Structures are given as C-alpha cells and as structure tokens.
Amino acid sequence: MLHSKEDLAGKALKIASHVRYGVPTPLVFLARLSGLPSQWQVHNISYYGPDSGLLRADQYMLTTGSSRFHPRVGDTGVWTDAPYIMVHPAPRRGTCTPQDRGSTRTIISGYRVVLKRYHLGGLPVQELCGAHADGLWFDIQVFGAHPSINVVSLFRDHMRLLGTNPANWTTQPVG
C-alpha cells in the first residue's frame, strides 16, 4: 500500500510526540570547594560516569577571570591559573608515584599526599595527589608561574572530600 508523504510525515510526528527520554540524572561531585572568590566556576567536565543511579563527575577544571588557554602545551593544550581536579573512588592499589623526581611526601589535613613540582612545555606545574583519602583518590594540577592559588592551599583551605557514600555527594561543587 502506498502512502503519501503527508501521511508518512503525520505518522512520524505522532510517533515522535510520544517519545520520552530518561529522567534527568543529576551530575554529582565527590568534593566541595568553599571560600573561593565568586568568579571561580566549573569550566570543563572532561570525564563523568554512572554511579549509584547518578552521574559522577570524576575530572573537571575550575577557571577564574585570569585563566588562560595555552594551545601548544602538551597534547591538547592546557589552561593556566585553572586547577584541574580529579576525584573518584580509590582503586584498590592506587598510588601517587612518590618516587618521581621533584616529589615530596607529606600529610595535609590528615591525608598522606604527594606534592610534585615539574615543568611541561615551559610552564611550571604543581600537582597534589592522594591515593587513599577516605576511600577516594584525588589529583589536583595547576599550571603556570603565578597561579591565584597553589594546590596545597586549594586542598587544605578550600576543598572537602565527601567520601564514597553517594548521599554525601553534591551537585554544587563550588560555593
């Protein structure tokens, strides 16, 4: 049986009008940052995945008015004065490679961490990593010679890890 274009278009519209997509799932973060200037915001969520019926943001970046993109550094470019933050449940054998040159082991806010300082593409880099912090693994990197905040101060004074219980995670990571 042949149908006219109008008949097919009408049927397609009828079918499309009944399509329903999944319920919006909140994007949640395993760390909360407070006490930062109001212009600081989540700029780029580079990895997220499902966890306990939620979408867990594992890798993201914060920017401020002084953040700048440098396209010729590394494989894809980097932002200076923009902390790159990775937080996810700790893998069983997760480490922070404390034997790297320029690394220092220390304790900050009760967590064993590794602080690294190195250069990438001519830019200084600060990196702070904790392999087993209340069940979480985290890594914070800041590129640039004069960042608004260093990784130690960001972690010690402004960041609160929210643990592995989804009931404690937040949809508002900054504020």
N, C-alpha and C. Protein backbone atom coordinates (compact mmCIF):
# COMPACT_ATOMS: atom_id res chain seq x y z
N MET A 1 0.85 -1.17 0.00
CA MET A 1 0.00 0.00 0.00
C MET A 1 0.90 1.24 0.00
N LEU A 2 0.64 2.14 -0.86
CA LEU A 2 1.42 3.36 -0.97
C LEU A 2 0.82 4.43 -0.08
N HIS A 3 1.71 5.18 0.59
CA HIS A 3 1.27 6.28 1.44
C HIS A 3 1.82 7.58 0.88
N SER A 4 1.09 8.62 1.05
CA SER A 4 1.58 9.92 0.60
C SER A 4 2.63 10.43 1.58
N LYS A 5 3.40 11.38 1.13
CA LYS A 5 4.42 12.00 2.01
C LYS A 5 3.76 12.63 3.22
N GLU A 6 2.58 13.21 3.04
CA GLU A 6 1.87 13.83 4.15
C GLU A 6 1.45 12.80 5.19
N ASP A 7 1.00 11.62 4.71
CA ASP A 7 0.61 10.56 5.65
C ASP A 7 1.81 10.09 6.46
N LEU A 8 2.94 9.88 5.78
CA LEU A 8 4.15 9.42 6.48
C LEU A 8 4.65 10.47 7.45
N ALA A 9 4.62 11.74 7.03
CA ALA A 9 5.07 12.81 7.92
C ALA A 9 4.17 12.90 9.13
N GLY A 10 2.87 12.76 8.94
CA GLY A 10 1.92 12.79 10.06
C GLY A 10 2.18 11.66 11.04
N LYS A 11 2.42 10.46 10.52
CA LYS A 11 2.70 9.31 11.39
C LYS A 11 4.01 9.51 12.15
N ALA A 12 5.02 10.05 11.45
CA ALA A 12 6.31 10.29 12.10
C ALA A 12 6.15 11.31 13.23
N LEU A 13 5.39 12.36 13.00
CA LEU A 13 5.17 13.36 14.05
C LEU A 13 4.40 12.77 15.23
N LYS A 14 3.42 11.91 14.94
CA LYS A 14 2.65 11.27 16.01
C LYS A 14 3.57 10.38 16.86
N ILE A 15 4.41 9.61 16.20
CA ILE A 15 5.35 8.74 16.93
C ILE A 15 6.31 9.59 17.75
N ALA A 16 6.87 10.63 17.13
CA ALA A 16 7.84 11.49 17.82
C ALA A 16 7.23 12.20 19.01
N SER A 17 5.95 12.53 18.94
CA SER A 17 5.32 13.25 20.06
C SER A 17 5.17 12.37 21.30
N HIS A 18 5.28 11.06 21.13
CA HIS A 18 5.14 10.14 22.26
C HIS A 18 6.48 9.63 22.79
N VAL A 19 7.56 10.05 22.17
CA VAL A 19 8.89 9.63 22.63
C VAL A 19 9.21 10.33 23.94
N ARG A 20 9.69 9.58 24.91
CA ARG A 20 10.09 10.14 26.21
C ARG A 20 11.53 9.70 26.48
N TYR A 21 12.31 10.64 26.89
CA TYR A 21 13.70 10.34 27.22
C TYR A 21 13.80 10.10 28.71
N GLY A 22 14.93 9.53 29.13
CA GLY A 22 15.14 9.21 30.54
C GLY A 22 14.99 10.41 31.45
N VAL A 23 14.74 10.12 32.69
CA VAL A 23 14.64 11.16 33.70
C VAL A 23 16.01 11.83 33.84
N PRO A 24 16.06 13.15 33.88
CA PRO A 24 17.36 13.81 34.04
C PRO A 24 18.08 13.30 35.30
N THR A 25 19.33 12.94 35.11
CA THR A 25 20.14 12.44 36.21
C THR A 25 21.07 13.55 36.67
N PRO A 26 21.08 13.84 37.97
CA PRO A 26 21.97 14.92 38.42
C PRO A 26 23.44 14.55 38.28
N LEU A 27 24.24 15.54 37.98
CA LEU A 27 25.68 15.38 37.93
C LEU A 27 26.20 15.69 39.33
N VAL A 28 26.90 14.74 39.93
CA VAL A 28 27.35 14.91 41.31
C VAL A 28 28.87 14.91 41.38
N PHE A 29 29.38 15.55 42.42
CA PHE A 29 30.81 15.72 42.64
C PHE A 29 31.18 15.14 44.00
N LEU A 30 32.37 14.55 44.11
CA LEU A 30 32.83 13.91 45.34
C LEU A 30 33.67 14.84 46.20
N ALA A 31 33.73 16.11 45.82
CA ALA A 31 34.45 17.11 46.60
C ALA A 31 33.67 18.42 46.54
N ARG A 32 33.80 19.20 47.59
CA ARG A 32 33.15 20.51 47.65
C ARG A 32 34.23 21.54 47.92
N LEU A 33 34.18 22.63 47.17
CA LEU A 33 35.14 23.72 47.32
C LEU A 33 34.40 24.93 47.85
N SER A 34 34.90 25.50 48.92
CA SER A 34 34.24 26.67 49.51
C SER A 34 35.27 27.74 49.83
N GLY A 35 34.77 28.96 50.01
CA GLY A 35 35.64 30.08 50.36
C GLY A 35 36.45 30.62 49.21
N LEU A 36 36.13 30.24 47.98
CA LEU A 36 36.84 30.77 46.81
C LEU A 36 36.11 32.02 46.32
N PRO A 37 36.80 32.92 45.64
CA PRO A 37 36.13 34.10 45.07
C PRO A 37 34.98 33.67 44.15
N SER A 38 33.96 34.50 44.04
CA SER A 38 32.74 34.14 43.31
C SER A 38 32.96 33.88 41.83
N GLN A 39 34.02 34.40 41.22
CA GLN A 39 34.22 34.18 39.79
C GLN A 39 34.75 32.77 39.48
N TRP A 40 35.18 32.02 40.48
CA TRP A 40 35.63 30.64 40.25
C TRP A 40 34.43 29.79 39.90
N GLN A 41 34.56 29.00 38.82
CA GLN A 41 33.46 28.15 38.40
C GLN A 41 33.98 26.89 37.71
N VAL A 42 33.14 25.86 37.70
CA VAL A 42 33.47 24.66 36.96
C VAL A 42 33.40 25.02 35.48
N HIS A 43 34.49 24.80 34.78
CA HIS A 43 34.59 25.20 33.38
C HIS A 43 34.41 24.02 32.44
N ASN A 44 34.99 22.90 32.77
CA ASN A 44 35.03 21.79 31.84
C ASN A 44 34.97 20.48 32.62
N ILE A 45 33.97 19.68 32.34
CA ILE A 45 33.89 18.35 32.94
C ILE A 45 34.35 17.39 31.86
N SER A 46 35.55 16.83 32.03
CA SER A 46 36.13 16.02 30.97
C SER A 46 35.84 14.53 31.13
N TYR A 47 35.39 14.10 32.29
CA TYR A 47 35.00 12.70 32.45
C TYR A 47 33.93 12.59 33.51
N TYR A 48 32.90 11.83 33.19
CA TYR A 48 31.86 11.51 34.16
C TYR A 48 31.30 10.15 33.79
N GLY A 49 30.71 9.48 34.76
CA GLY A 49 30.15 8.16 34.51
C GLY A 49 29.11 7.81 35.55
N PRO A 50 28.35 6.75 35.28
CA PRO A 50 27.27 6.36 36.20
C PRO A 50 27.81 5.76 37.49
N ASP A 51 27.13 6.07 38.58
CA ASP A 51 27.47 5.51 39.88
C ASP A 51 26.25 5.64 40.79
N SER A 52 25.72 4.55 41.25
CA SER A 52 24.59 4.53 42.19
C SER A 52 23.38 5.31 41.67
N GLY A 53 23.11 5.21 40.37
CA GLY A 53 21.97 5.90 39.78
C GLY A 53 22.21 7.38 39.53
N LEU A 54 23.43 7.83 39.70
CA LEU A 54 23.79 9.24 39.49
C LEU A 54 24.90 9.31 38.44
N LEU A 55 25.16 10.49 37.92
CA LEU A 55 26.31 10.70 37.06
C LEU A 55 27.40 11.36 37.90
N ARG A 56 28.50 10.64 38.11
CA ARG A 56 29.58 11.11 38.96
C ARG A 56 30.63 11.82 38.12
N ALA A 57 30.88 13.11 38.40
CA ALA A 57 31.91 13.88 37.71
C ALA A 57 33.26 13.53 38.34
N ASP A 58 34.13 12.92 37.57
CA ASP A 58 35.44 12.49 38.07
C ASP A 58 36.57 13.44 37.73
N GLN A 59 36.45 14.16 36.62
CA GLN A 59 37.51 15.06 36.18
C GLN A 59 36.90 16.37 35.70
N TYR A 60 37.36 17.46 36.27
CA TYR A 60 36.85 18.76 35.87
C TYR A 60 37.90 19.82 36.14
N MET A 61 37.59 21.03 35.74
CA MET A 61 38.53 22.13 35.87
C MET A 61 37.79 23.34 36.44
N LEU A 62 38.48 24.14 37.20
CA LEU A 62 37.93 25.41 37.69
C LEU A 62 38.63 26.54 36.97
N THR A 63 37.88 27.57 36.61
CA THR A 63 38.51 28.73 36.00
C THR A 63 38.08 29.99 36.73
N THR A 64 38.86 31.02 36.51
CA THR A 64 38.58 32.34 37.03
C THR A 64 38.87 33.33 35.91
N GLY A 65 38.68 34.60 36.16
CA GLY A 65 38.91 35.61 35.12
C GLY A 65 40.34 35.65 34.60
N SER A 66 41.30 35.18 35.37
CA SER A 66 42.69 35.23 34.93
C SER A 66 43.16 33.93 34.27
N SER A 67 42.30 32.94 34.13
CA SER A 67 42.67 31.68 33.47
C SER A 67 42.90 31.92 31.99
N ARG A 68 43.94 31.29 31.44
CA ARG A 68 44.27 31.45 30.02
C ARG A 68 44.60 30.09 29.42
N PHE A 69 44.17 29.90 28.16
CA PHE A 69 44.45 28.64 27.45
C PHE A 69 45.74 28.76 26.65
N HIS A 70 46.58 27.73 26.74
CA HIS A 70 47.84 27.66 26.01
C HIS A 70 47.78 26.44 25.08
N PRO A 71 47.47 26.66 23.79
CA PRO A 71 47.22 25.54 22.87
C PRO A 71 48.44 24.69 22.53
N ARG A 72 49.63 25.20 22.73
CA ARG A 72 50.82 24.46 22.30
C ARG A 72 51.55 23.76 23.44
N VAL A 73 50.87 23.52 24.53
CA VAL A 73 51.48 22.82 25.66
C VAL A 73 50.81 21.46 25.80
N GLY A 74 51.62 20.41 25.88
CA GLY A 74 51.06 19.06 25.98
C GLY A 74 50.39 18.64 24.68
N ASP A 75 49.59 17.58 24.76
CA ASP A 75 48.92 17.04 23.57
C ASP A 75 47.76 17.90 23.10
N THR A 76 47.00 18.45 24.04
CA THR A 76 45.78 19.17 23.68
C THR A 76 45.75 20.60 24.20
N GLY A 77 46.84 21.08 24.77
CA GLY A 77 46.87 22.40 25.36
C GLY A 77 46.49 22.34 26.83
N VAL A 78 46.79 23.40 27.57
CA VAL A 78 46.44 23.47 28.99
C VAL A 78 45.98 24.88 29.33
N TRP A 79 45.26 24.98 30.41
CA TRP A 79 44.85 26.26 30.98
C TRP A 79 45.77 26.59 32.14
N THR A 80 46.22 27.83 32.23
CA THR A 80 46.96 28.28 33.40
C THR A 80 45.99 28.95 34.35
N ASP A 81 46.37 28.97 35.62
CA ASP A 81 45.53 29.53 36.68
C ASP A 81 44.14 28.92 36.65
N ALA A 82 44.10 27.59 36.47
CA ALA A 82 42.85 26.85 36.40
C ALA A 82 43.08 25.45 36.95
N PRO A 83 42.78 25.22 38.22
CA PRO A 83 43.03 23.89 38.79
C PRO A 83 42.28 22.78 38.06
N TYR A 84 43.01 21.77 37.66
CA TYR A 84 42.44 20.54 37.11
C TYR A 84 42.23 19.62 38.30
N ILE A 85 41.02 19.12 38.47
CA ILE A 85 40.69 18.32 39.65
C ILE A 85 40.17 16.96 39.20
N MET A 86 40.73 15.91 39.78
CA MET A 86 40.26 14.55 39.55
C MET A 86 39.98 13.93 40.92
N VAL A 87 38.76 13.43 41.10
CA VAL A 87 38.40 12.77 42.35
C VAL A 87 37.48 11.60 41.99
N HIS A 88 37.83 10.42 42.45
CA HIS A 88 36.97 9.25 42.24
C HIS A 88 37.28 8.21 43.32
N PRO A 89 36.43 7.19 43.46
CA PRO A 89 36.72 6.16 44.45
C PRO A 89 38.12 5.58 44.21
N ALA A 90 38.82 5.35 45.29
CA ALA A 90 40.21 4.88 45.19
C ALA A 90 40.25 3.45 44.66
N PRO A 91 41.07 3.24 43.63
CA PRO A 91 41.29 1.86 43.20
C PRO A 91 42.05 1.11 44.28
N ARG A 92 41.87 -0.15 44.35
CA ARG A 92 42.48 -0.95 45.41
C ARG A 92 43.98 -0.71 45.56
N ARG A 93 44.66 -0.64 44.46
CA ARG A 93 46.11 -0.47 44.50
C ARG A 93 46.54 0.87 43.93
N GLY A 94 45.72 1.89 44.10
CA GLY A 94 46.03 3.22 43.60
C GLY A 94 47.25 3.81 44.29
N THR A 95 48.08 4.50 43.53
CA THR A 95 49.26 5.15 44.08
C THR A 95 49.38 6.55 43.50
N CYS A 96 50.35 7.28 44.00
CA CYS A 96 50.64 8.63 43.51
C CYS A 96 52.09 8.77 43.07
N THR A 97 52.76 7.70 42.79
CA THR A 97 54.15 7.68 42.34
C THR A 97 55.05 8.67 43.08
N PRO A 98 55.27 8.44 44.38
CA PRO A 98 56.09 9.36 45.17
C PRO A 98 57.58 9.33 44.81
N GLN A 99 58.00 8.38 43.99
CA GLN A 99 59.42 8.29 43.65
C GLN A 99 59.80 9.23 42.51
N ASP A 100 58.84 9.90 41.87
CA ASP A 100 59.16 10.84 40.80
C ASP A 100 60.07 11.95 41.32
N ARG A 101 60.99 12.39 40.45
CA ARG A 101 61.86 13.50 40.81
C ARG A 101 61.03 14.74 41.07
N GLY A 102 61.36 15.49 42.08
CA GLY A 102 60.60 16.68 42.42
C GLY A 102 59.39 16.40 43.29
N SER A 103 59.27 15.16 43.79
CA SER A 103 58.13 14.77 44.62
C SER A 103 58.48 14.84 46.10
N THR A 104 57.49 15.22 46.89
CA THR A 104 57.63 15.27 48.34
C THR A 104 56.42 14.61 48.97
N ARG A 105 56.67 13.69 49.87
CA ARG A 105 55.57 13.09 50.64
C ARG A 105 55.30 13.97 51.85
N THR A 106 54.02 14.19 52.14
CA THR A 106 53.67 15.00 53.30
C THR A 106 52.26 14.63 53.75
N ILE A 107 51.84 15.20 54.85
CA ILE A 107 50.48 15.00 55.35
C ILE A 107 49.79 16.36 55.39
N ILE A 108 48.62 16.43 54.75
CA ILE A 108 47.83 17.66 54.72
C ILE A 108 46.41 17.30 55.13
N SER A 109 45.89 18.00 56.11
CA SER A 109 44.53 17.77 56.62
C SER A 109 44.31 16.31 57.00
N GLY A 110 45.36 15.67 57.47
CA GLY A 110 45.27 14.28 57.92
C GLY A 110 45.43 13.25 56.82
N TYR A 111 45.61 13.66 55.59
CA TYR A 111 45.76 12.74 54.46
C TYR A 111 47.21 12.67 54.02
N ARG A 112 47.68 11.46 53.72
CA ARG A 112 49.01 11.28 53.14
C ARG A 112 48.91 11.66 51.67
N VAL A 113 49.75 12.59 51.26
CA VAL A 113 49.71 13.09 49.89
C VAL A 113 51.11 13.17 49.32
N VAL A 114 51.17 13.33 48.02
CA VAL A 114 52.43 13.53 47.32
C VAL A 114 52.31 14.85 46.57
N LEU A 115 53.27 15.74 46.83
CA LEU A 115 53.34 17.04 46.16
C LEU A 115 54.45 16.97 45.12
N LYS A 116 54.13 17.33 43.89
CA LYS A 116 55.11 17.30 42.81
C LYS A 116 55.21 18.69 42.19
N ARG A 117 56.42 19.01 41.76
CA ARG A 117 56.66 20.25 41.02
C ARG A 117 57.54 19.89 39.83
N TYR A 118 57.09 20.30 38.65
CA TYR A 118 57.83 19.99 37.43
C TYR A 118 57.44 21.01 36.36
N HIS A 119 57.97 20.86 35.15
CA HIS A 119 57.66 21.75 34.03
C HIS A 119 57.09 20.92 32.89
N LEU A 120 56.14 21.52 32.17
CA LEU A 120 55.57 20.91 30.97
C LEU A 120 55.46 21.99 29.92
N GLY A 121 56.14 21.79 28.80
CA GLY A 121 56.09 22.79 27.73
C GLY A 121 56.51 24.17 28.16
N GLY A 122 57.46 24.24 29.10
CA GLY A 122 57.95 25.53 29.58
C GLY A 122 57.12 26.12 30.71
N LEU A 123 56.00 25.49 31.07
CA LEU A 123 55.17 26.00 32.16
C LEU A 123 55.44 25.24 33.44
N PRO A 124 55.57 25.93 34.56
CA PRO A 124 55.67 25.24 35.85
C PRO A 124 54.33 24.55 36.16
N VAL A 125 54.43 23.39 36.81
CA VAL A 125 53.24 22.64 37.19
C VAL A 125 53.35 22.27 38.66
N GLN A 126 52.26 22.46 39.40
CA GLN A 126 52.14 21.96 40.78
C GLN A 126 51.10 20.85 40.74
N GLU A 127 51.39 19.74 41.41
CA GLU A 127 50.44 18.63 41.43
C GLU A 127 50.38 18.06 42.84
N LEU A 128 49.18 17.80 43.32
CA LEU A 128 48.98 17.20 44.64
C LEU A 128 48.10 15.98 44.45
N CYS A 129 48.57 14.84 44.97
CA CYS A 129 47.86 13.58 44.79
C CYS A 129 47.70 12.87 46.12
N GLY A 130 46.53 12.30 46.33
CA GLY A 130 46.26 11.46 47.50
C GLY A 130 45.62 10.17 47.03
N ALA A 131 46.25 9.03 47.35
CA ALA A 131 45.78 7.75 46.82
C ALA A 131 44.68 7.11 47.66
N HIS A 132 44.63 7.39 48.94
CA HIS A 132 43.64 6.76 49.82
C HIS A 132 43.18 7.77 50.85
N ALA A 133 42.26 8.63 50.44
CA ALA A 133 41.75 9.69 51.30
C ALA A 133 40.26 9.44 51.55
N ASP A 134 39.95 8.82 52.67
CA ASP A 134 38.57 8.45 52.99
C ASP A 134 37.91 7.66 51.86
N GLY A 135 38.66 6.74 51.28
CA GLY A 135 38.14 5.90 50.21
C GLY A 135 38.22 6.53 48.84
N LEU A 136 38.79 7.73 48.75
CA LEU A 136 38.89 8.42 47.46
C LEU A 136 40.34 8.56 47.02
N TRP A 137 40.52 8.68 45.72
CA TRP A 137 41.80 9.02 45.11
C TRP A 137 41.60 10.39 44.48
N PHE A 138 42.53 11.33 44.70
CA PHE A 138 42.41 12.65 44.09
C PHE A 138 43.74 13.11 43.53
N ASP A 139 43.64 14.01 42.57
CA ASP A 139 44.81 14.61 41.97
C ASP A 139 44.41 16.03 41.55
N ILE A 140 45.20 17.01 41.94
CA ILE A 140 44.95 18.40 41.57
C ILE A 140 46.20 18.91 40.88
N GLN A 141 46.04 19.52 39.71
CA GLN A 141 47.16 20.11 38.97
C GLN A 141 46.86 21.57 38.68
N VAL A 142 47.87 22.40 38.83
CA VAL A 142 47.76 23.81 38.45
C VAL A 142 48.98 24.16 37.61
N PHE A 143 48.73 24.72 36.44
CA PHE A 143 49.79 25.13 35.52
C PHE A 143 49.99 26.63 35.61
N GLY A 144 51.24 27.07 35.45
CA GLY A 144 51.53 28.49 35.39
C GLY A 144 52.46 28.95 36.49
N ALA A 145 53.17 30.03 36.20
CA ALA A 145 54.18 30.57 37.13
C ALA A 145 53.56 31.30 38.31
N HIS A 146 52.41 31.92 38.12
CA HIS A 146 51.81 32.73 39.19
C HIS A 146 50.31 32.43 39.33
N PRO A 147 49.94 31.21 39.72
CA PRO A 147 48.51 30.91 39.85
C PRO A 147 47.89 31.68 41.02
N SER A 148 46.60 31.92 40.93
CA SER A 148 45.87 32.61 42.01
C SER A 148 45.91 31.82 43.30
N ILE A 149 46.01 30.50 43.18
CA ILE A 149 46.04 29.64 44.36
C ILE A 149 46.93 28.45 44.06
N ASN A 150 47.71 28.02 45.05
CA ASN A 150 48.54 26.84 44.82
C ASN A 150 47.77 25.60 45.25
N VAL A 151 48.23 24.43 44.83
CA VAL A 151 47.49 23.19 45.07
C VAL A 151 47.35 22.87 46.55
N VAL A 152 48.37 23.17 47.34
CA VAL A 152 48.30 22.89 48.78
C VAL A 152 47.22 23.74 49.43
N SER A 153 47.22 25.02 49.16
CA SER A 153 46.21 25.90 49.75
C SER A 153 44.81 25.54 49.26
N LEU A 154 44.66 25.22 48.00
CA LEU A 154 43.35 24.83 47.48
C LEU A 154 42.83 23.62 48.23
N PHE A 155 43.68 22.60 48.39
CA PHE A 155 43.25 21.38 49.07
C PHE A 155 43.04 21.63 50.57
N ARG A 156 44.01 22.21 51.23
CA ARG A 156 43.97 22.37 52.68
C ARG A 156 42.89 23.35 53.13
N ASP A 157 42.76 24.48 52.44
CA ASP A 157 41.89 25.55 52.92
C ASP A 157 40.51 25.60 52.27
N HIS A 158 40.34 24.96 51.12
CA HIS A 158 39.08 25.15 50.39
C HIS A 158 38.37 23.87 49.97
N MET A 159 39.03 22.73 50.01
CA MET A 159 38.44 21.51 49.47
C MET A 159 38.05 20.55 50.58
N ARG A 160 36.85 20.01 50.48
CA ARG A 160 36.40 18.98 51.40
C ARG A 160 36.01 17.75 50.60
N LEU A 161 36.70 16.64 50.85
CA LEU A 161 36.36 15.38 50.20
C LEU A 161 35.09 14.83 50.85
N LEU A 162 34.18 14.32 50.02
CA LEU A 162 32.86 13.92 50.51
C LEU A 162 32.68 12.41 50.68
N GLY A 163 33.76 11.66 50.52
CA GLY A 163 33.71 10.22 50.79
C GLY A 163 33.04 9.41 49.68
N THR A 164 32.80 8.14 49.97
CA THR A 164 32.28 7.22 48.96
C THR A 164 30.77 7.01 49.04
N ASN A 165 30.12 7.59 50.03
CA ASN A 165 28.68 7.44 50.17
C ASN A 165 27.96 8.44 49.27
N PRO A 166 27.19 7.97 48.27
CA PRO A 166 26.50 8.89 47.36
C PRO A 166 25.59 9.89 48.06
N ALA A 167 25.10 9.58 49.24
CA ALA A 167 24.24 10.51 49.97
C ALA A 167 24.98 11.79 50.36
N ASN A 168 26.31 11.73 50.40
CA ASN A 168 27.11 12.90 50.79
C ASN A 168 27.60 13.72 49.60
N TRP A 169 27.44 13.23 48.38
CA TRP A 169 27.95 13.93 47.21
C TRP A 169 27.11 15.16 46.93
N THR A 170 27.64 16.09 46.14
CA THR A 170 26.97 17.37 45.91
C THR A 170 26.78 17.66 44.41
N THR A 171 25.71 18.38 44.12
CA THR A 171 25.50 18.85 42.75
C THR A 171 26.07 20.28 42.61
N GLN A 172 26.47 20.87 43.71
CA GLN A 172 27.04 22.23 43.72
C GLN A 172 28.47 22.17 44.25
N PRO A 173 29.46 21.91 43.38
CA PRO A 173 30.83 21.70 43.86
C PRO A 173 31.53 22.97 44.32
N VAL A 174 31.08 24.14 43.89
CA VAL A 174 31.73 25.39 44.27
C VAL A 174 30.72 26.29 44.93
N GLY A 175 31.11 26.83 46.08
CA GLY A 175 30.20 27.79 46.73
C GLY A 175 30.24 27.70 48.22
